[in-house]
Protein backbone atom coordinates (compact mmCIF):
# COMPACT_ATOMS: atom_id res chain seq x y z
CA MET A 1 95.71 129.44 100.10
CA LYS A 2 92.97 131.65 102.19
CA LYS A 3 89.64 131.15 102.36
CA ARG A 4 87.32 132.76 100.82
CA ARG A 5 83.38 132.14 100.91
CA LEU A 6 81.18 132.73 97.87
CA ARG A 7 80.25 136.23 97.09
CA MET A 8 77.02 137.11 95.66
CA MET A 9 77.33 139.62 92.66
CA MET A 10 74.77 142.47 93.36
CA ALA A 11 73.59 144.72 90.63
CA VAL A 12 74.86 147.32 92.12
CA ALA A 13 77.91 150.33 91.77
CA ALA A 14 81.65 147.87 92.29
CA SER A 15 81.73 150.63 95.05
CA ALA A 16 78.57 149.54 97.15
CA VAL A 17 79.93 145.77 96.63
CA MET A 18 83.25 147.33 98.18
CA LEU A 19 81.55 148.86 101.43
CA ALA A 20 79.85 145.27 101.85
CA GLY A 21 82.74 143.23 101.80
CA CYS A 22 83.93 145.49 104.46
CA GLY A 23 80.63 144.95 106.57
CA ASN A 24 79.27 148.08 105.93
CA ALA A 25 76.09 146.67 104.29
CA ALA A 26 72.65 148.64 104.73
CA PRO A 27 71.51 147.17 108.10
CA GLU A 28 68.41 145.25 106.31
CA ALA A 29 70.87 142.70 104.25
CA THR A 30 71.06 139.36 104.77
CA GLU A 31 73.73 136.73 104.14
CA PRO A 32 72.80 135.19 101.01
CA SER A 33 72.41 131.30 101.20
CA ALA A 34 74.33 129.10 98.95
CA GLN A 35 71.50 128.65 96.74
CA GLU A 36 70.53 132.05 96.76
CA GLU A 37 74.63 132.57 95.15
CA VAL A 38 74.34 130.33 92.71
CA THR A 39 71.10 131.52 91.27
CA GLU A 40 72.42 134.96 91.22
CA ALA A 41 75.88 133.98 89.31
CA GLN A 42 73.48 132.33 87.12
CA ASP A 43 71.69 135.27 85.84
CA GLN A 44 75.33 136.29 85.16
CA VAL A 45 76.43 134.34 82.73
CA THR A 46 74.65 132.14 80.14
CA ILE A 47 76.29 128.83 78.32
CA ASP A 48 75.71 126.27 75.98
CA ALA A 49 76.00 122.50 77.10
CA ARG A 50 79.69 122.82 77.03
CA GLY A 51 80.29 126.23 79.04
CA GLU A 52 82.11 127.20 75.29
CA THR A 53 79.59 130.61 75.29
CA THR A 54 79.51 133.27 77.49
CA GLU A 55 77.13 136.11 78.01
CA VAL A 56 78.61 138.83 80.66
CA THR A 57 75.93 141.85 82.09
CA ASP A 58 77.80 144.92 82.15
CA GLU A 59 77.72 144.87 85.86
CA THR A 60 79.66 142.03 85.16
CA ALA A 61 81.94 144.11 83.17
CA GLU A 62 81.99 146.30 85.57
CA MET A 63 83.87 144.45 88.15
CA SER A 64 87.44 144.95 88.96
CA ASP A 65 89.96 142.11 87.94
CA GLU A 66 90.03 141.30 91.47
CA GLU A 67 86.71 140.30 91.56
CA LYS A 68 86.04 139.27 88.49
CA ALA A 69 88.75 136.42 89.33
CA ALA A 70 87.99 136.04 92.79
CA GLU A 71 84.43 134.76 91.24
CA VAL A 72 85.52 132.13 89.08
CA ALA A 73 88.11 131.02 92.66
CA ASP A 74 84.51 131.03 94.36
CA LEU A 75 83.12 128.98 91.54
CA ILE A 76 85.83 126.30 91.32
CA ASP A 77 86.26 125.99 95.47
CA ALA A 78 82.23 125.36 94.66
CA ILE A 79 82.47 122.30 92.83
CA TYR A 80 85.68 121.29 94.32
CA VAL A 81 84.08 118.80 96.77
CA GLN A 82 82.95 115.40 97.59
CA LYS A 83 79.75 115.23 97.54
CA TRP A 84 77.62 115.38 94.33
CA THR A 85 74.39 117.27 94.21
CA GLU A 86 71.68 118.07 91.69
CA GLU A 87 73.12 121.36 91.67
CA THR A 88 77.11 119.88 91.24
CA ASP A 89 76.33 119.48 86.91
CA ASP A 90 75.25 123.72 86.39
CA LEU A 91 77.89 124.63 88.84
CA CYS A 92 80.84 123.26 86.52
CA ALA A 93 79.29 124.62 83.40
CA GLN A 94 79.40 128.34 85.06
CA ALA A 95 82.72 127.41 86.44
CA ARG A 96 84.36 127.00 83.12
CA ALA A 97 81.87 129.86 81.55
CA ALA A 98 83.35 132.46 84.37
CA TRP A 99 86.93 131.36 83.36
CA ASP A 100 86.27 131.72 79.44
CA ALA A 101 85.40 135.22 80.47
CA LEU A 102 88.80 136.35 82.07
CA THR A 103 91.25 138.01 80.30
CA ASP A 104 95.15 136.33 80.60
CA ALA A 105 95.81 138.59 82.82
CA GLN A 106 92.65 137.86 85.30
CA LYS A 107 93.25 134.17 85.06
CA GLU A 108 96.75 134.86 86.67
CA MET A 109 95.25 136.17 89.59
CA VAL A 110 92.44 133.06 90.12
CA GLU A 111 93.34 131.93 94.04
CA GLY A 112 90.70 130.28 95.92
CA GLU A 113 91.21 127.83 98.61
CA PHE A 114 91.43 125.10 96.21
CA ALA A 115 91.05 127.11 92.65
CA ASP A 116 94.43 128.46 90.87
CA PRO A 117 95.30 129.07 87.19
CA ASP A 118 96.04 125.58 86.60
CA TYR A 119 92.43 124.20 87.61
CA PHE A 120 91.40 125.26 83.51
CA GLY A 121 95.03 126.19 82.01
CA ARG A 122 97.02 123.25 82.90
CA ASP A 123 97.90 121.45 79.62
CA THR A 124 97.20 117.82 81.01
CA GLY A 125 96.99 116.43 77.00
CA ASP A 126 93.74 115.75 74.67
CA ALA A 127 90.69 114.73 76.34
CA SER A 128 88.96 114.26 73.14
CA GLY A 129 90.73 110.70 72.69
CA ASP A 130 89.16 109.37 76.55
CA ASP A 131 85.94 107.39 76.54
CA PRO A 132 83.97 107.82 79.67
CA LEU A 133 81.93 104.38 78.96
CA ASN A 134 78.73 105.99 80.06
CA ASP A 135 76.49 104.36 77.31
CA ASP A 136 73.39 102.88 77.88
CA GLY A 137 72.61 99.60 76.23
CA ILE A 138 75.00 97.47 78.40
CA GLY A 139 72.96 93.87 78.39
CA GLU A 140 72.65 91.65 80.90
CA ASN A 141 76.75 91.10 81.70
CA GLU A 142 78.27 94.10 82.59
CA ILE A 143 82.10 94.77 84.03
CA LEU A 144 81.95 97.68 85.65
CA VAL A 145 85.70 99.28 86.12
CA VAL A 146 85.68 101.41 89.37
CA SER A 147 88.65 103.99 89.86
CA PHE A 148 89.95 106.90 91.94
CA GLY A 149 90.28 108.71 88.78
CA THR A 150 92.57 111.58 87.19
CA SER A 151 92.50 115.29 86.05
CA PHE A 152 95.16 114.40 83.50
CA ASN A 153 93.63 113.61 79.91
CA GLU A 154 96.52 111.54 79.07
CA SER A 155 96.70 109.85 81.91
CA ARG A 156 92.98 108.78 81.80
CA THR A 157 93.41 107.84 78.06
CA GLU A 158 96.23 106.17 78.59
CA ASP A 159 96.26 104.23 82.34
CA ILE A 160 92.64 104.10 83.37
CA GLY A 161 91.89 103.47 79.43
CA SER A 162 94.32 100.63 79.06
CA VAL A 163 92.95 98.83 81.70
CA GLU A 164 89.36 98.75 80.21
CA ARG A 165 90.26 98.19 76.28
CA THR A 166 91.54 95.80 77.94
CA LEU A 167 88.95 93.85 79.61
CA ALA A 168 86.39 95.05 76.96
CA ALA A 169 88.61 92.90 74.20
CA ALA A 170 89.17 89.89 76.54
CA TYR A 171 85.45 89.59 77.26
CA PRO A 172 83.44 90.69 74.00
CA GLU A 173 80.30 89.20 76.09
CA TRP A 174 80.09 91.75 78.55
CA SER A 175 79.86 95.23 78.56
CA VAL A 176 83.14 97.62 79.87
CA ARG A 177 81.42 100.56 81.78
CA ARG A 178 83.79 103.54 84.04
CA ALA A 179 83.04 105.16 87.52
CA PHE A 180 85.33 107.22 89.48
CA THR A 181 85.57 107.24 93.00
CA ALA A 182 86.52 110.92 93.53
CA GLN A 183 83.94 113.42 92.73
CA ILE A 184 86.43 116.13 92.77
CA ILE A 185 87.57 114.64 89.85
CA ILE A 186 84.93 113.88 88.05
CA ASN A 187 83.85 117.84 88.57
CA HIS A 188 87.09 119.32 87.81
CA VAL A 189 86.60 116.90 84.09
CA LEU A 190 83.45 118.05 82.70
CA ALA A 191 84.18 121.44 84.08
CA ARG A 192 86.87 121.83 81.98
CA ASP A 193 86.68 119.40 79.59
CA GLY A 194 82.86 119.05 79.48
CA GLU A 195 83.11 115.04 79.61
CA LYS A 196 80.79 113.40 82.37
CA ILE A 197 81.72 110.36 83.78
CA ASP A 198 79.95 108.14 86.37
CA ASN A 199 80.44 108.61 89.56
CA MET A 200 79.66 104.85 92.24
CA ASP A 201 75.73 106.03 92.43
CA GLN A 202 75.11 106.56 89.03
CA ALA A 203 77.01 103.85 87.47
CA LEU A 204 75.23 101.51 89.53
CA GLN A 205 71.86 103.17 88.70
CA ARG A 206 72.88 103.52 85.25
CA ALA A 207 73.60 99.35 85.85
CA VAL A 208 69.79 98.75 87.15
CA ASP A 209 68.09 100.73 84.62
CA ASN A 210 69.63 99.14 81.75
CA GLY A 211 68.12 95.37 82.97
CA VAL A 212 71.89 94.43 83.99
CA ARG A 213 72.04 91.17 85.91
CA ASN A 214 75.30 89.67 86.40
CA LEU A 215 77.65 92.78 87.32
CA VAL A 216 81.33 92.05 87.93
CA ILE A 217 83.22 95.27 90.08
CA GLN A 218 86.83 95.21 88.64
CA PRO A 219 89.11 98.15 91.20
CA THR A 220 92.01 99.07 89.52
CA HIS A 221 93.39 100.39 93.05
CA LEU A 222 96.31 98.94 94.30
CA MET A 223 95.11 97.28 97.16
CA HIS A 224 92.19 96.44 99.50
CA GLY A 225 92.25 100.20 101.23
CA ALA A 226 89.65 103.22 102.11
CA GLU A 227 88.89 103.62 98.17
CA TYR A 228 88.45 99.57 98.02
CA ASP A 229 86.15 99.44 101.33
CA GLU A 230 84.06 102.78 99.50
CA ILE A 231 83.12 100.53 96.97
CA VAL A 232 82.21 97.36 98.81
CA GLU A 233 79.54 100.51 100.87
CA ALA A 234 78.62 101.47 97.77
CA VAL A 235 77.86 98.27 96.07
CA ASP A 236 76.31 96.89 99.17
CA ALA A 237 73.13 99.55 98.97
CA PHE A 238 72.81 97.87 95.18
CA SER A 239 73.25 94.11 95.86
CA ASP A 240 69.63 93.30 95.48
CA LYS A 241 69.74 94.84 92.44
CA PHE A 242 71.14 92.37 90.74
CA ALA A 243 70.98 88.30 90.05
CA THR A 244 74.88 88.13 91.04
CA VAL A 245 77.07 91.14 91.76
CA ILE A 246 81.09 90.32 93.05
CA ILE A 247 83.76 93.13 93.80
CA SER A 248 87.08 91.23 92.13
CA GLU A 249 90.35 92.15 93.64
CA PRO A 250 92.79 94.63 93.46
CA LEU A 251 95.89 94.64 92.04
CA LEU A 252 98.23 93.18 94.60
CA GLY A 253 95.22 90.73 95.25
CA GLU A 254 94.84 90.27 99.32
CA VAL A 255 96.17 92.30 102.23
CA GLY A 256 97.81 90.09 104.69
CA SER A 257 98.77 90.41 108.66
CA ASP A 258 102.40 91.51 108.35
CA ALA A 259 104.81 92.93 105.89
CA THR A 260 106.47 89.43 105.16
CA VAL A 261 102.82 87.90 103.83
CA ILE A 262 103.10 88.07 99.90
CA ASN A 263 101.27 86.59 96.86
CA ASP A 264 101.59 85.69 93.38
CA ASP A 265 99.75 89.14 92.61
CA LYS A 266 103.16 91.33 94.56
CA LYS A 267 105.10 88.75 92.73
CA ALA A 268 103.87 89.42 89.25
CA VAL A 269 103.40 93.27 89.65
CA ALA A 270 106.83 94.01 91.17
CA GLU A 271 108.59 91.70 88.21
CA LEU A 272 106.78 93.54 85.48
CA ILE A 273 106.95 97.53 87.47
CA THR A 274 111.00 96.57 87.60
CA ALA A 275 111.56 95.39 84.03
CA GLU A 276 109.34 98.23 82.63
CA ALA A 277 111.32 100.50 84.21
CA VAL A 278 114.56 98.96 83.70
CA LYS A 279 113.87 99.08 80.27
CA GLU A 280 112.68 102.21 80.15
CA ALA A 281 116.10 103.60 81.75
CA GLY A 282 118.29 102.02 78.83
CA TYR A 283 119.34 99.55 80.50
CA GLU A 284 119.95 95.51 79.41
CA GLY A 285 118.45 94.50 83.13
CA LEU A 286 118.54 95.42 86.74
CA ASP A 287 122.13 94.19 87.03
CA GLU A 288 123.37 96.59 84.38
CA ALA A 289 121.38 99.42 86.46
CA ALA A 290 123.87 98.19 89.66
CA ASP A 291 126.85 98.17 88.21
CA ASP A 292 126.54 101.92 86.86
CA GLY A 293 125.71 103.12 90.19
CA THR A 294 121.61 103.44 89.54
CA ALA A 295 118.94 102.73 92.08
CA PHE A 296 114.99 102.93 90.63
CA VAL A 297 112.69 104.08 93.50
CA PHE A 298 108.45 103.46 93.22
CA MET A 299 106.56 105.98 94.86
CA GLY A 300 103.15 105.46 95.93
CA HIS A 301 100.82 107.05 97.45
CA GLY A 302 100.58 106.26 100.64
CA THR A 303 97.46 105.41 103.72
CA ALA A 304 96.78 105.69 106.74
CA HIS A 305 94.29 102.63 106.43
CA THR A 306 95.21 98.98 108.11
CA ALA A 307 96.40 98.01 104.35
CA LYS A 308 99.55 100.35 104.44
CA VAL A 309 101.29 97.02 104.76
CA SER A 310 100.74 96.74 101.55
CA TYR A 311 103.66 98.66 100.64
CA SER A 312 105.73 96.99 103.20
CA GLN A 313 104.98 93.76 101.83
CA MET A 314 105.72 95.16 98.04
CA ALA A 315 109.70 96.13 99.35
CA THR A 316 109.80 92.43 100.77
CA GLN A 317 108.89 91.05 97.47
CA MET A 318 111.58 93.08 95.86
CA GLU A 319 114.30 91.82 98.33
CA LYS A 320 112.98 88.11 97.68
CA LEU A 321 113.22 88.72 94.29
CA GLY A 322 117.09 90.31 94.60
CA TYR A 323 116.21 93.27 93.60
CA ALA A 324 118.96 95.05 95.56
CA ASN A 325 118.84 98.62 93.99
CA VAL A 326 115.06 98.50 93.91
CA TYR A 327 113.05 100.38 96.70
CA VAL A 328 109.66 101.39 97.38
CA GLY A 329 108.15 105.17 98.95
CA THR A 330 105.23 106.49 99.18
CA VAL A 331 103.99 110.50 99.41
CA GLU A 332 102.30 110.39 102.56
CA GLY A 333 104.85 108.66 104.01
CA GLU A 334 103.25 106.20 105.47
CA PRO A 335 103.74 103.70 106.92
CA GLU A 336 107.12 105.49 108.06
CA GLU A 337 109.48 103.07 106.58
CA THR A 338 108.88 104.44 102.81
CA SER A 339 108.97 108.00 103.55
CA CYS A 340 110.72 110.38 101.38
CA GLU A 341 113.74 110.84 103.58
CA VAL A 342 114.10 107.18 104.67
CA ILE A 343 114.76 106.39 101.40
CA LEU A 344 116.61 109.03 99.85
CA ASP A 345 119.15 108.12 102.98
CA ARG A 346 119.01 104.38 102.05
CA VAL A 347 119.79 104.72 98.61
CA LYS A 348 122.66 107.26 99.90
CA GLU A 349 123.46 105.12 102.26
CA ALA A 350 123.97 101.68 99.48
CA GLY A 351 126.19 104.22 97.24
CA TYR A 352 123.75 104.58 94.33
CA LYS A 353 124.29 107.63 92.59
CA LYS A 354 122.13 107.35 90.23
CA VAL A 355 118.13 107.53 90.97
CA VAL A 356 115.32 106.78 88.89
CA LEU A 357 112.01 108.22 90.23
CA ARG A 358 109.03 106.46 88.91
CA PRO A 359 105.08 106.34 90.25
CA LEU A 360 103.67 103.30 92.20
CA MET A 361 100.03 104.37 90.87
CA VAL A 362 97.95 103.02 88.11
CA VAL A 363 97.52 106.80 87.08
CA ALA A 364 100.24 108.60 86.57
CA GLY A 365 97.98 112.30 87.50
CA ASP A 366 98.52 114.66 90.01
CA HIS A 367 100.79 112.76 92.62
CA ALA A 368 103.32 111.40 89.88
CA ASN A 369 103.70 115.08 87.91
CA ASN A 370 103.89 116.75 91.15
CA ASP A 371 104.62 115.15 94.27
CA MET A 372 107.22 113.05 92.32
CA ALA A 373 108.31 115.25 89.10
CA GLY A 374 107.23 118.50 90.11
CA ASP A 375 110.00 121.53 90.34
CA GLU A 376 108.61 122.89 93.37
CA GLU A 377 110.91 122.06 96.23
CA ASP A 378 109.15 119.31 98.52
CA SER A 379 108.93 116.77 95.09
CA TRP A 380 111.28 113.96 95.43
CA LYS A 381 112.46 114.59 92.22
CA SER A 382 113.63 118.47 93.87
CA ILE A 383 114.12 116.60 97.59
CA PHE A 384 116.66 114.20 96.41
CA THR A 385 118.44 116.53 93.70
CA ALA A 386 118.96 119.12 96.59
CA SER A 387 120.42 116.50 98.51
CA GLY A 388 123.84 117.20 96.56
CA ASP A 389 124.72 113.01 97.03
CA PHE A 390 123.30 112.15 93.45
CA GLU A 391 124.99 112.44 90.27
CA ARG A 392 121.77 112.69 88.19
CA VAL A 393 117.55 112.07 89.04
CA GLU A 394 115.66 111.08 86.51
CA CYS A 395 111.70 110.62 86.50
CA GLN A 396 109.74 108.38 84.52
CA ILE A 397 106.22 109.44 84.29
CA ALA A 398 104.11 106.35 83.56
CA GLY A 399 101.43 104.72 84.94
CA LEU A 400 101.02 101.12 85.79
CA GLY A 401 97.98 101.18 83.73
CA ARG A 402 99.80 101.46 80.09
CA ILE A 403 102.15 97.77 80.91
CA ASP A 404 100.60 95.35 79.04
CA GLY A 405 101.90 92.74 81.75
CA ILE A 406 99.25 94.95 84.56
CA GLU A 407 96.67 95.29 82.56
CA SER A 408 96.52 91.11 81.70
CA LEU A 409 96.70 90.89 85.13
CA TYR A 410 93.76 92.80 85.83
CA ALA A 411 91.66 91.02 83.26
CA SER A 412 92.62 87.44 84.84
CA HIS A 413 91.43 88.89 88.43
CA ALA A 414 88.17 89.84 86.70
CA ALA A 415 88.19 86.15 85.11
CA ASP A 416 88.22 84.74 88.86
CA ALA A 417 85.42 87.30 89.68
CA MET A 418 82.89 85.70 86.59
CA ALA A 419 83.70 81.84 87.69
CA ALA A 420 83.14 82.78 91.35
CA LEU A 421 79.57 84.27 89.81
CA GLY A 422 78.86 80.96 88.06
CA ASP A 423 79.49 79.06 92.26
CA ALA A 424 77.59 81.38 93.83
CA VAL A 425 74.78 81.21 91.54
CA SER A 426 74.96 77.10 92.02
CA SER A 427 75.46 77.20 95.18
CA ALA A 428 72.66 79.93 96.29
CA GLU A 429 70.38 77.40 94.47
CA ALA A 430 71.86 74.20 96.49
CA GLY A 431 73.32 75.88 99.64
CA GLY A 432 77.04 75.44 99.41
CA SER A 433 79.73 75.54 101.80
CA ALA A 434 83.00 77.15 101.31
CA THR A 435 84.41 74.33 99.19
CA GLU A 436 82.05 75.32 96.68
CA LEU A 437 82.92 78.70 96.14
CA SER A 438 85.70 80.21 94.37
CA ASP A 439 88.04 82.63 96.87
CA GLY A 440 86.35 86.35 97.06
CA THR A 441 83.82 88.78 98.23
CA TYR A 442 80.32 88.30 98.20
CA SER A 443 76.99 90.17 99.96
CA ALA A 444 75.58 88.07 102.12
CA LYS A 445 72.13 87.89 104.35
CA PHE A 446 73.25 86.99 107.90
CA THR A 447 69.85 86.22 110.07
CA THR A 448 69.42 85.92 113.70
CA ASP A 449 66.79 84.39 116.79
CA GLY A 450 67.16 87.46 118.57
CA SER A 451 65.16 90.98 118.31
CA MET A 452 67.85 92.81 119.97
CA PHE A 453 71.20 90.70 117.97
CA HIS A 454 71.09 92.04 114.64
CA VAL A 455 72.71 93.50 112.27
CA SER A 456 72.59 96.79 111.85
CA GLU A 457 69.03 98.75 110.21
CA ALA A 458 71.49 100.89 107.68
CA LEU A 459 72.73 97.22 105.53
CA ASP A 460 69.12 95.59 105.69
CA ASP A 461 70.61 92.26 107.11
CA MET A 462 73.41 92.07 104.97
CA GLY A 463 77.44 91.57 105.56
CA GLU A 464 80.50 91.08 103.08
CA LEU A 465 81.33 86.99 102.91
CA THR A 466 84.70 86.44 102.10
CA VAL A 467 85.83 83.27 100.28
CA ARG A 468 89.51 82.41 100.86
CA ASP A 469 91.43 78.69 100.71
CA GLY A 470 88.31 76.57 101.65
CA GLU A 471 87.07 78.83 104.46
CA MET A 472 84.44 81.30 104.73
CA THR A 473 84.03 84.78 106.88
CA ILE A 474 81.02 87.11 107.19
CA HIS A 475 81.86 90.88 108.16
CA VAL A 476 78.89 92.18 109.78
CA SER A 477 78.41 95.30 111.02
CA LEU A 478 75.44 95.00 114.30
CA SER A 479 73.27 97.62 115.64
CA SER A 480 74.80 99.03 118.48
CA LYS A 481 78.22 98.60 120.38
CA ASN A 482 76.27 96.87 123.43
CA VAL A 483 77.88 93.55 121.74
CA VAL A 484 81.24 93.10 123.15
CA ASN A 485 82.36 89.89 122.00
CA LEU A 486 81.22 86.81 120.02
CA PHE A 487 82.09 83.73 120.31
CA PRO A 488 81.85 80.78 117.43
CA GLY A 489 80.24 78.05 120.11
CA THR A 490 77.87 78.19 122.60
CA ALA A 491 77.96 80.02 125.81
CA GLU A 492 79.61 77.84 127.33
CA GLU A 493 81.82 76.99 126.00
CA ALA A 494 83.13 80.82 125.81
CA ALA A 495 83.03 80.88 129.28
CA LYS A 496 85.69 78.25 129.85
CA SER A 497 89.63 80.09 130.35
CA GLY A 498 91.41 80.21 126.69
CA ALA A 499 88.15 80.64 124.58
CA LYS A 500 89.53 82.29 121.54
CA LEU A 501 86.31 85.06 121.58
CA LEU A 502 85.90 87.28 118.16
CA LYS A 503 87.07 91.15 118.84
CA PRO A 504 84.72 93.84 117.52
CA THR A 505 85.75 96.66 114.73
CA VAL A 506 83.95 99.74 115.09
CA ASP A 507 82.60 100.63 112.05
CA THR A 508 80.88 103.68 110.77
CA VAL A 509 76.98 102.62 108.92
CA LYS A 510 74.69 105.80 106.76
CA PHE A 511 71.46 105.02 107.16
CA ASP A 512 69.02 106.44 104.06
CA ASP A 513 68.25 109.97 105.74
CA GLY A 514 72.30 110.33 105.50
CA THR A 515 73.01 110.23 109.25
CA THR A 516 75.86 107.98 110.20
CA GLU A 517 76.16 105.88 113.57
CA GLU A 518 79.19 103.93 115.06
CA VAL A 519 78.42 100.45 115.90
CA ASN A 520 80.45 96.97 116.86
CA GLY A 521 81.76 95.15 113.71
CA PHE A 522 82.70 91.44 113.73
CA ASP A 523 84.49 88.85 111.22
CA VAL A 524 82.81 85.84 111.69
CA PRO A 525 83.73 82.35 110.84
CA VAL A 526 80.76 80.20 109.08
CA PRO A 527 80.82 76.95 108.55
CA ALA A 528 78.29 76.35 105.96
CA LEU A 529 75.38 78.13 104.68
CA ASP A 530 72.31 78.25 104.76
CA LYS A 531 72.56 76.06 107.96
CA GLU A 532 72.03 77.62 111.47
CA PHE A 533 74.91 77.82 113.49
CA ASP A 534 75.59 78.39 117.50
CA LEU A 535 77.14 82.07 117.97
CA ALA A 536 77.67 83.22 121.64
CA LEU A 537 77.46 86.80 122.61
CA ILE A 538 78.18 88.71 125.83
CA GLY A 539 77.05 92.55 126.14
CA THR A 540 78.03 95.18 128.38
CA LYS A 541 76.89 93.50 131.46
CA GLY A 542 79.32 90.88 131.26
CA VAL A 543 76.97 87.44 130.42
CA TRP A 544 77.42 85.12 127.90
CA TYR A 545 73.98 84.55 125.89
CA ASP A 546 73.50 81.32 123.21
CA HIS A 547 72.21 82.71 119.88
CA LYS A 548 71.41 80.62 116.50
CA VAL A 549 73.15 81.98 113.42
CA LYS A 550 72.54 81.80 109.17
CA VAL A 551 74.24 82.96 106.66
CA THR A 552 72.66 83.10 103.26
CA LEU A 553 73.69 84.11 99.64
CA ALA A 554 72.22 87.60 98.33
CA GLU A 555 69.88 86.55 95.44
């Protein structure tokens, strides 16, 4: 779809508008700013609080069908953004009002860089049954359930909502609230349905404003991927606003180093989703399905993040369970062995003639309905069908979030996080070791004895402390790339042959003014909290220096 710039509705004759669009505007005319275009658009349409009433001026009425459709497309494109501004909510209301003013024929003409008639017109279920969980009156204890989000109303209610309701029932003394990380989806739901969902910053600020002291962040994400990293970044900016805060595990738990690493979480998920798919397909068990020539393909999203190995680990877990007719693929084809073509060939070579496709996603949203089960030729259903290798290709459009056992697994992760919060308080008061902390992640202060060796100012000396199996490691993003390696010990020890040096990662830090900078980050082993320990560094000049550092849990 070709990209359009926002058009300012000018109170002139339609022919003059067409001339201006061809570059024949009067010499004194200047290109309007985005805000001027927004202001002008506001003058054309009046709306109520939900954007359900419109008043169109004479000038708007004189516009052609194409121009009216283009105006709506431009407004949709303007809210199809990941960054929220003070104008965003108003733009959402304007987009809905302009859409409602179109005839059915004009709606079919809406086309923009991201806009199409389905943005407002597609039926994704009733939004009235969904609770955005954005009330105040939270109290001191909050569980903030963070999801990527979905604009599919039924999926939002049944998949995300089911997890939220399970947590609320399991922990009645804690208030459950919601946040989405995808602003694009938040804007879509607000514009189309009038439902306001908090983004991460808004949800965290709501918690601060309500006096929350103990905060558990429960992601509904599958893994420690890019979305999880964004959660950590957002929470870090607010970590000093709460007495205790902890981010719970995602569904599949820790990632692990390679495709062979599996854990109890992955095993539980593999068993639960397979049992649900087999039952819905009408079989008594997986063996019966195999005897009938049926294979089950679970389609995840896929990612370029290092956490993509989680999909390979899930495939390994299926093999360990003896699920020979179960396959794991991804929309993005990352990792490569999870691409649609690879999975199709594997199913074909194994001799299965019937295929059941089901999303390996918490939410059955756009990817499940379009990329997996859509009628377009590039959907998985279409590709498997077009191959001619299978007698039947069926789709089960249901997110993981509505499976009882999956909901319970999230509740279990939240319970572990709550226990860790209590341990963190005790440890912070006494000065603790890893054995006094439950496995999990914590915000911690990393202080050094050097003015040139410290955490980036953007992070206020804070890092992320990870406790796993009795050992502690803190990830710190330093102030520059000048530190090439670190060594947990003295400079003399670091210079010896065979010394195991800490290698850097490239981290991007964000300052208060919105600017970003790439710096070197390190995972530093922590022998004990609140006690200085040796940490040598080597810079770009190739000389080792001794330093003392200390790690303290955030208060």
